[in-house]
Full PDB file with SEQRES, HELIX, SHEET, SSBOND, CRYST1, ORIGX, SCALE, CONECT and MASTER records, all heavy atoms in Angstrom:
SEQRES   1 A   30  GLY GLY GLU ALA SER GLU GLY ARG MET VAL LEU HIS ALA          
SEQRES   2 A   30  LEU PRO GLY SER GLN HIS ARG ASN PRO ILE GLY ILE VAL          
SEQRES   3 A   30  HIS GLY GLY PHE                                              
HELIX    1 AA1 SER A   17  HIS A   19  5                                   3    
SHEET    1 AA1 2 GLY A   2  SER A   5  0                                        
SHEET    2 AA1 2 ARG A   8  LEU A  11 -1                                        
CRYST1    1.000    1.000    1.000  90.00  90.00  90.00 P 1           1          
ORIGX1      1.000000  0.000000  0.000000        0.00000                         
ORIGX2      0.000000  1.000000  0.000000        0.00000                         
ORIGX3      0.000000  0.000000  1.000000        0.00000                         
SCALE1      1.000000  0.000000  0.000000        0.00000                         
SCALE2      0.000000  1.000000  0.000000        0.00000                         
SCALE3      0.000000  0.000000  1.000000        0.00000                         
ATOM      1  N   GLY A   1      97.560  80.412 115.188  1.00  0.00           N  
ATOM      2  CA  GLY A   1      98.490  80.128 116.268  1.00  0.00           C  
ATOM      3  C   GLY A   1      97.803  79.713 117.448  1.00  0.00           C  
ATOM      4  O   GLY A   1      96.596  79.642 117.624  1.00  0.00           O  
ATOM      5  N   GLY A   2      98.652  79.481 118.534  1.00  0.00           N  
ATOM      6  CA  GLY A   2      98.158  79.032 119.850  1.00  0.00           C  
ATOM      7  C   GLY A   2      99.223  78.667 120.800  1.00  0.00           C  
ATOM      8  O   GLY A   2     100.378  78.972 120.550  1.00  0.00           O  
ATOM      9  N   GLU A   3      98.797  77.966 121.863  1.00  0.00           N  
ATOM     10  CA  GLU A   3      99.772  77.547 122.935  1.00  0.00           C  
ATOM     11  C   GLU A   3      99.310  76.217 123.341  1.00  0.00           C  
ATOM     12  O   GLU A   3      98.121  75.927 123.535  1.00  0.00           O  
ATOM     13  CB  GLU A   3      99.746  78.546 124.027  1.00  0.00           C  
ATOM     14  CG  GLU A   3      99.992  79.976 123.678  1.00  0.00           C  
ATOM     15  CD  GLU A   3      99.339  80.925 124.633  1.00  0.00           C  
ATOM     16  OE1 GLU A   3      99.326  80.575 125.819  1.00  0.00           O  
ATOM     17  OE2 GLU A   3      98.890  81.966 124.198  1.00  0.00           O  
ATOM     18  N   ALA A   4     100.274  75.332 123.766  1.00  0.00           N  
ATOM     19  CA  ALA A   4      99.930  74.022 124.285  1.00  0.00           C  
ATOM     20  C   ALA A   4     100.826  73.761 125.499  1.00  0.00           C  
ATOM     21  O   ALA A   4     102.040  74.100 125.528  1.00  0.00           O  
ATOM     22  CB  ALA A   4     100.305  72.954 123.241  1.00  0.00           C  
ATOM     23  N   SER A   5     100.176  73.328 126.510  1.00  0.00           N  
ATOM     24  CA  SER A   5     100.842  72.860 127.753  1.00  0.00           C  
ATOM     25  C   SER A   5     100.049  71.528 128.206  1.00  0.00           C  
ATOM     26  O   SER A   5      98.978  71.216 127.618  1.00  0.00           O  
ATOM     27  CB  SER A   5     100.844  73.820 128.818  1.00  0.00           C  
ATOM     28  OG  SER A   5      99.606  74.323 129.177  1.00  0.00           O  
ATOM     29  N   GLU A   6     100.612  70.857 129.192  1.00  0.00           N  
ATOM     30  CA  GLU A   6      99.995  69.580 129.644  1.00  0.00           C  
ATOM     31  C   GLU A   6      98.553  69.867 130.079  1.00  0.00           C  
ATOM     32  O   GLU A   6      98.309  70.633 130.949  1.00  0.00           O  
ATOM     33  CB  GLU A   6     100.807  68.985 130.751  1.00  0.00           C  
ATOM     34  CG  GLU A   6     100.374  67.732 131.285  1.00  0.00           C  
ATOM     35  CD  GLU A   6     100.604  66.551 130.387  1.00  0.00           C  
ATOM     36  OE1 GLU A   6     101.657  66.580 129.681  1.00  0.00           O  
ATOM     37  OE2 GLU A   6      99.909  65.507 130.484  1.00  0.00           O  
ATOM     38  N   GLY A   7      97.659  69.244 129.318  1.00  0.00           N  
ATOM     39  CA  GLY A   7      96.214  69.375 129.668  1.00  0.00           C  
ATOM     40  C   GLY A   7      95.563  70.632 129.286  1.00  0.00           C  
ATOM     41  O   GLY A   7      94.391  70.915 129.653  1.00  0.00           O  
ATOM     42  N   ARG A   8      96.209  71.457 128.508  1.00  0.00           N  
ATOM     43  CA  ARG A   8      95.691  72.721 128.079  1.00  0.00           C  
ATOM     44  C   ARG A   8      96.033  73.081 126.627  1.00  0.00           C  
ATOM     45  O   ARG A   8      97.151  72.834 126.177  1.00  0.00           O  
ATOM     46  CB  ARG A   8      96.174  73.867 129.026  1.00  0.00           C  
ATOM     47  CG  ARG A   8      95.592  75.248 128.649  1.00  0.00           C  
ATOM     48  CD  ARG A   8      95.950  76.203 129.792  1.00  0.00           C  
ATOM     49  NE  ARG A   8      95.559  77.532 129.613  1.00  0.00           N  
ATOM     50  CZ  ARG A   8      94.323  78.093 129.813  1.00  0.00           C  
ATOM     51  NH1 ARG A   8      93.390  77.282 130.194  1.00  0.00           N  
ATOM     52  NH2 ARG A   8      93.980  79.339 129.528  1.00  0.00           N  
ATOM     53  N   MET A   9      95.070  73.587 125.898  1.00  0.00           N  
ATOM     54  CA  MET A   9      95.311  74.066 124.578  1.00  0.00           C  
ATOM     55  C   MET A   9      94.606  75.410 124.357  1.00  0.00           C  
ATOM     56  O   MET A   9      93.455  75.602 124.693  1.00  0.00           O  
ATOM     57  CB  MET A   9      94.778  73.039 123.500  1.00  0.00           C  
ATOM     58  CG  MET A   9      95.130  73.333 122.108  1.00  0.00           C  
ATOM     59  SD  MET A   9      96.889  72.906 121.884  1.00  0.00           S  
ATOM     60  CE  MET A   9      97.194  73.441 120.174  1.00  0.00           C  
ATOM     61  N   VAL A  10      95.295  76.328 123.730  1.00  0.00           N  
ATOM     62  CA  VAL A  10      94.733  77.651 123.396  1.00  0.00           C  
ATOM     63  C   VAL A  10      94.890  77.849 121.896  1.00  0.00           C  
ATOM     64  O   VAL A  10      96.011  77.665 121.339  1.00  0.00           O  
ATOM     65  CB  VAL A  10      95.424  78.796 124.205  1.00  0.00           C  
ATOM     66  CG1 VAL A  10      94.909  80.097 123.785  1.00  0.00           C  
ATOM     67  CG2 VAL A  10      95.381  78.579 125.678  1.00  0.00           C  
ATOM     68  N   LEU A  11      93.808  78.186 121.211  1.00  0.00           N  
ATOM     69  CA  LEU A  11      93.845  78.411 119.763  1.00  0.00           C  
ATOM     70  C   LEU A  11      93.235  79.799 119.568  1.00  0.00           C  
ATOM     71  O   LEU A  11      92.263  80.235 120.214  1.00  0.00           O  
ATOM     72  CB  LEU A  11      92.989  77.346 119.089  1.00  0.00           C  
ATOM     73  CG  LEU A  11      93.515  75.943 119.245  1.00  0.00           C  
ATOM     74  CD1 LEU A  11      92.394  74.906 118.712  1.00  0.00           C  
ATOM     75  CD2 LEU A  11      94.801  75.698 118.535  1.00  0.00           C  
ATOM     76  N   HIS A  12      93.703  80.491 118.478  1.00  0.00           N  
ATOM     77  CA  HIS A  12      93.226  81.727 118.005  1.00  0.00           C  
ATOM     78  C   HIS A  12      92.694  81.698 116.629  1.00  0.00           C  
ATOM     79  O   HIS A  12      93.225  80.899 115.793  1.00  0.00           O  
ATOM     80  CB  HIS A  12      94.312  82.829 118.138  1.00  0.00           C  
ATOM     81  CG  HIS A  12      95.006  82.879 119.406  1.00  0.00           C  
ATOM     82  ND1 HIS A  12      94.465  83.450 120.552  1.00  0.00           N  
ATOM     83  CD2 HIS A  12      96.262  82.472 119.788  1.00  0.00           C  
ATOM     84  CE1 HIS A  12      95.341  83.327 121.492  1.00  0.00           C  
ATOM     85  NE2 HIS A  12      96.467  82.762 121.098  1.00  0.00           N  
ATOM     86  N   ALA A  13      91.668  82.442 116.393  1.00  0.00           N  
ATOM     87  CA  ALA A  13      91.055  82.442 114.968  1.00  0.00           C  
ATOM     88  C   ALA A  13      90.512  83.825 114.718  1.00  0.00           C  
ATOM     89  O   ALA A  13      90.135  84.574 115.667  1.00  0.00           O  
ATOM     90  CB  ALA A  13      90.076  81.340 114.816  1.00  0.00           C  
ATOM     91  N   LEU A  14      90.297  84.138 113.464  1.00  0.00           N  
ATOM     92  CA  LEU A  14      89.710  85.377 112.973  1.00  0.00           C  
ATOM     93  C   LEU A  14      88.443  85.088 112.225  1.00  0.00           C  
ATOM     94  O   LEU A  14      88.601  84.604 111.058  1.00  0.00           O  
ATOM     95  CB  LEU A  14      90.669  86.116 112.194  1.00  0.00           C  
ATOM     96  CG  LEU A  14      90.269  87.521 111.857  1.00  0.00           C  
ATOM     97  CD1 LEU A  14      90.102  88.416 113.131  1.00  0.00           C  
ATOM     98  CD2 LEU A  14      91.309  88.213 110.931  1.00  0.00           C  
ATOM     99  N   PRO A  15      87.258  85.321 112.742  1.00  0.00           N  
ATOM    100  CA  PRO A  15      86.114  85.105 111.957  1.00  0.00           C  
ATOM    101  C   PRO A  15      85.967  86.081 110.872  1.00  0.00           C  
ATOM    102  O   PRO A  15      86.247  87.323 110.984  1.00  0.00           O  
ATOM    103  CB  PRO A  15      84.869  85.335 113.038  1.00  0.00           C  
ATOM    104  CG  PRO A  15      85.556  86.148 114.089  1.00  0.00           C  
ATOM    105  CD  PRO A  15      86.949  85.832 114.138  1.00  0.00           C  
ATOM    106  N   GLY A  16      85.576  85.526 109.669  1.00  0.00           N  
ATOM    107  CA  GLY A  16      85.452  86.430 108.471  1.00  0.00           C  
ATOM    108  C   GLY A  16      84.128  86.266 107.846  1.00  0.00           C  
ATOM    109  O   GLY A  16      83.232  85.473 108.289  1.00  0.00           O  
ATOM    110  N   SER A  17      83.924  87.009 106.716  1.00  0.00           N  
ATOM    111  CA  SER A  17      82.596  86.967 106.071  1.00  0.00           C  
ATOM    112  C   SER A  17      82.377  85.488 105.472  1.00  0.00           C  
ATOM    113  O   SER A  17      81.239  85.131 105.326  1.00  0.00           O  
ATOM    114  CB  SER A  17      82.583  87.949 104.937  1.00  0.00           C  
ATOM    115  OG  SER A  17      83.619  87.702 103.981  1.00  0.00           O  
ATOM    116  N   GLN A  18      83.414  84.752 105.230  1.00  0.00           N  
ATOM    117  CA  GLN A  18      83.264  83.372 104.800  1.00  0.00           C  
ATOM    118  C   GLN A  18      82.590  82.435 105.798  1.00  0.00           C  
ATOM    119  O   GLN A  18      82.168  81.393 105.528  1.00  0.00           O  
ATOM    120  CB  GLN A  18      84.616  82.816 104.261  1.00  0.00           C  
ATOM    121  CG  GLN A  18      85.593  82.438 105.322  1.00  0.00           C  
ATOM    122  CD  GLN A  18      86.443  83.599 105.824  1.00  0.00           C  
ATOM    123  OE1 GLN A  18      86.095  84.721 105.685  1.00  0.00           O  
ATOM    124  NE2 GLN A  18      87.650  83.219 106.361  1.00  0.00           N  
ATOM    125  N   HIS A  19      82.621  82.928 107.081  1.00  0.00           N  
ATOM    126  CA  HIS A  19      82.048  82.023 108.128  1.00  0.00           C  
ATOM    127  C   HIS A  19      80.572  82.463 108.509  1.00  0.00           C  
ATOM    128  O   HIS A  19      79.998  81.855 109.334  1.00  0.00           O  
ATOM    129  CB  HIS A  19      82.922  82.308 109.474  1.00  0.00           C  
ATOM    130  CG  HIS A  19      84.313  81.827 109.232  1.00  0.00           C  
ATOM    131  ND1 HIS A  19      85.401  82.655 109.434  1.00  0.00           N  
ATOM    132  CD2 HIS A  19      84.809  80.612 108.820  1.00  0.00           C  
ATOM    133  CE1 HIS A  19      86.499  81.973 109.190  1.00  0.00           C  
ATOM    134  NE2 HIS A  19      86.151  80.768 108.816  1.00  0.00           N  
ATOM    135  N   ARG A  20      80.116  83.398 107.730  1.00  0.00           N  
ATOM    136  CA  ARG A  20      78.716  83.885 108.060  1.00  0.00           C  
ATOM    137  C   ARG A  20      77.694  82.825 107.622  1.00  0.00           C  
ATOM    138  O   ARG A  20      77.841  82.089 106.647  1.00  0.00           O  
ATOM    139  CB  ARG A  20      78.384  85.124 107.219  1.00  0.00           C  
ATOM    140  CG  ARG A  20      79.121  86.393 107.882  1.00  0.00           C  
ATOM    141  CD  ARG A  20      78.701  87.629 107.114  1.00  0.00           C  
ATOM    142  NE  ARG A  20      79.356  88.748 107.701  1.00  0.00           N  
ATOM    143  CZ  ARG A  20      79.239  89.942 107.240  1.00  0.00           C  
ATOM    144  NH1 ARG A  20      78.437  90.179 106.238  1.00  0.00           N  
ATOM    145  NH2 ARG A  20      79.911  90.962 107.826  1.00  0.00           N  
ATOM    146  N   ASN A  21      76.537  82.923 108.305  1.00  0.00           N  
ATOM    147  CA  ASN A  21      75.388  82.124 107.943  1.00  0.00           C  
ATOM    148  C   ASN A  21      74.416  82.941 107.182  1.00  0.00           C  
ATOM    149  O   ASN A  21      74.688  84.180 107.062  1.00  0.00           O  
ATOM    150  CB  ASN A  21      74.729  81.430 109.165  1.00  0.00           C  
ATOM    151  CG  ASN A  21      74.191  82.439 110.151  1.00  0.00           C  
ATOM    152  OD1 ASN A  21      73.902  83.584 109.841  1.00  0.00           O  
ATOM    153  ND2 ASN A  21      74.019  82.000 111.417  1.00  0.00           N  
ATOM    154  N   PRO A  22      73.287  82.464 106.677  1.00  0.00           N  
ATOM    155  CA  PRO A  22      72.354  83.253 105.909  1.00  0.00           C  
ATOM    156  C   PRO A  22      71.751  84.475 106.602  1.00  0.00           C  
ATOM    157  O   PRO A  22      71.300  85.416 105.979  1.00  0.00           O  
ATOM    158  CB  PRO A  22      71.229  82.287 105.562  1.00  0.00           C  
ATOM    159  CG  PRO A  22      71.936  80.881 105.593  1.00  0.00           C  
ATOM    160  CD  PRO A  22      72.864  81.041 106.632  1.00  0.00           C  
ATOM    161  N   ILE A  23      71.755  84.499 107.899  1.00  0.00           N  
ATOM    162  CA  ILE A  23      71.279  85.720 108.689  1.00  0.00           C  
ATOM    163  C   ILE A  23      72.362  86.762 108.959  1.00  0.00           C  
ATOM    164  O   ILE A  23      72.047  87.803 109.518  1.00  0.00           O  
ATOM    165  CB  ILE A  23      70.484  85.387 109.913  1.00  0.00           C  
ATOM    166  CG1 ILE A  23      71.268  84.644 110.968  1.00  0.00           C  
ATOM    167  CG2 ILE A  23      69.220  84.510 109.577  1.00  0.00           C  
ATOM    168  CD1 ILE A  23      70.673  84.430 112.341  1.00  0.00           C  
ATOM    169  N   GLY A  24      73.636  86.486 108.542  1.00  0.00           N  
ATOM    170  CA  GLY A  24      74.626  87.412 108.565  1.00  0.00           C  
ATOM    171  C   GLY A  24      75.638  87.409 109.708  1.00  0.00           C  
ATOM    172  O   GLY A  24      76.520  88.107 109.777  1.00  0.00           O  
ATOM    173  N   ILE A  25      75.246  86.537 110.680  1.00  0.00           N  
ATOM    174  CA  ILE A  25      76.257  86.346 111.890  1.00  0.00           C  
ATOM    175  C   ILE A  25      77.149  85.156 111.517  1.00  0.00           C  
ATOM    176  O   ILE A  25      76.808  84.374 110.642  1.00  0.00           O  
ATOM    177  CB  ILE A  25      75.542  86.236 113.166  1.00  0.00           C  
ATOM    178  CG1 ILE A  25      74.603  84.991 113.207  1.00  0.00           C  
ATOM    179  CG2 ILE A  25      74.722  87.466 113.537  1.00  0.00           C  
ATOM    180  CD1 ILE A  25      73.994  84.740 114.528  1.00  0.00           C  
ATOM    181  N   VAL A  26      78.217  85.024 112.240  1.00  0.00           N  
ATOM    182  CA  VAL A  26      79.014  83.897 112.049  1.00  0.00           C  
ATOM    183  C   VAL A  26      78.331  82.556 112.494  1.00  0.00           C  
ATOM    184  O   VAL A  26      77.736  82.598 113.564  1.00  0.00           O  
ATOM    185  CB  VAL A  26      80.394  84.068 112.799  1.00  0.00           C  
ATOM    186  CG1 VAL A  26      81.231  82.834 112.837  1.00  0.00           C  
ATOM    187  CG2 VAL A  26      81.164  85.171 112.263  1.00  0.00           C  
ATOM    188  N   HIS A  27      78.454  81.617 111.609  1.00  0.00           N  
ATOM    189  CA  HIS A  27      77.811  80.343 111.898  1.00  0.00           C  
ATOM    190  C   HIS A  27      78.202  79.721 113.179  1.00  0.00           C  
ATOM    191  O   HIS A  27      79.380  79.767 113.571  1.00  0.00           O  
ATOM    192  CB  HIS A  27      78.103  79.326 110.723  1.00  0.00           C  
ATOM    193  CG  HIS A  27      77.249  78.163 110.677  1.00  0.00           C  
ATOM    194  ND1 HIS A  27      77.439  77.034 111.558  1.00  0.00           N  
ATOM    195  CD2 HIS A  27      76.129  77.805 109.916  1.00  0.00           C  
ATOM    196  CE1 HIS A  27      76.552  76.146 111.244  1.00  0.00           C  
ATOM    197  NE2 HIS A  27      75.831  76.556 110.299  1.00  0.00           N  
ATOM    198  N   GLY A  28      77.239  79.054 113.916  1.00  0.00           N  
ATOM    199  CA  GLY A  28      77.578  78.468 115.220  1.00  0.00           C  
ATOM    200  C   GLY A  28      78.544  77.401 115.027  1.00  0.00           C  
ATOM    201  O   GLY A  28      79.317  77.080 116.014  1.00  0.00           O  
ATOM    202  N   GLY A  29      78.647  76.802 113.906  1.00  0.00           N  
ATOM    203  CA  GLY A  29      79.730  75.771 113.613  1.00  0.00           C  
ATOM    204  C   GLY A  29      81.092  76.272 113.826  1.00  0.00           C  
ATOM    205  O   GLY A  29      82.004  75.552 114.081  1.00  0.00           O  
ATOM    206  N   PHE A  30      81.285  77.577 113.522  1.00  0.00           N  
ATOM    207  CA  PHE A  30      82.643  78.186 113.716  1.00  0.00           C  
ATOM    208  C   PHE A  30      83.000  78.098 115.219  1.00  0.00           C  
ATOM    209  O   PHE A  30      84.137  77.586 115.557  1.00  0.00           O  
ATOM    210  CB  PHE A  30      82.568  79.631 113.315  1.00  0.00           C  
ATOM    211  CG  PHE A  30      83.850  80.395 113.503  1.00  0.00           C  
ATOM    212  CD1 PHE A  30      84.880  80.273 112.527  1.00  0.00           C  
ATOM    213  CD2 PHE A  30      84.073  81.202 114.542  1.00  0.00           C  
ATOM    214  CE1 PHE A  30      86.090  80.999 112.642  1.00  0.00           C  
ATOM    215  CE2 PHE A  30      85.271  81.924 114.715  1.00  0.00           C  
ATOM    216  CZ  PHE A  30      86.300  81.811 113.768  1.00  0.00           C  
TER     217      PHE A  30                                                      
MASTER        0    0    0    1    2    0    0    6  216    1    0    3          
END                                                                             
């Protein structure tokens, strides 16, 4: 989900294990 107004966007996300890189933290691409 999120919110949109003129010139502004807000998005929410939940980082999970599927977003991890080989060193165990969430990949910077996320």
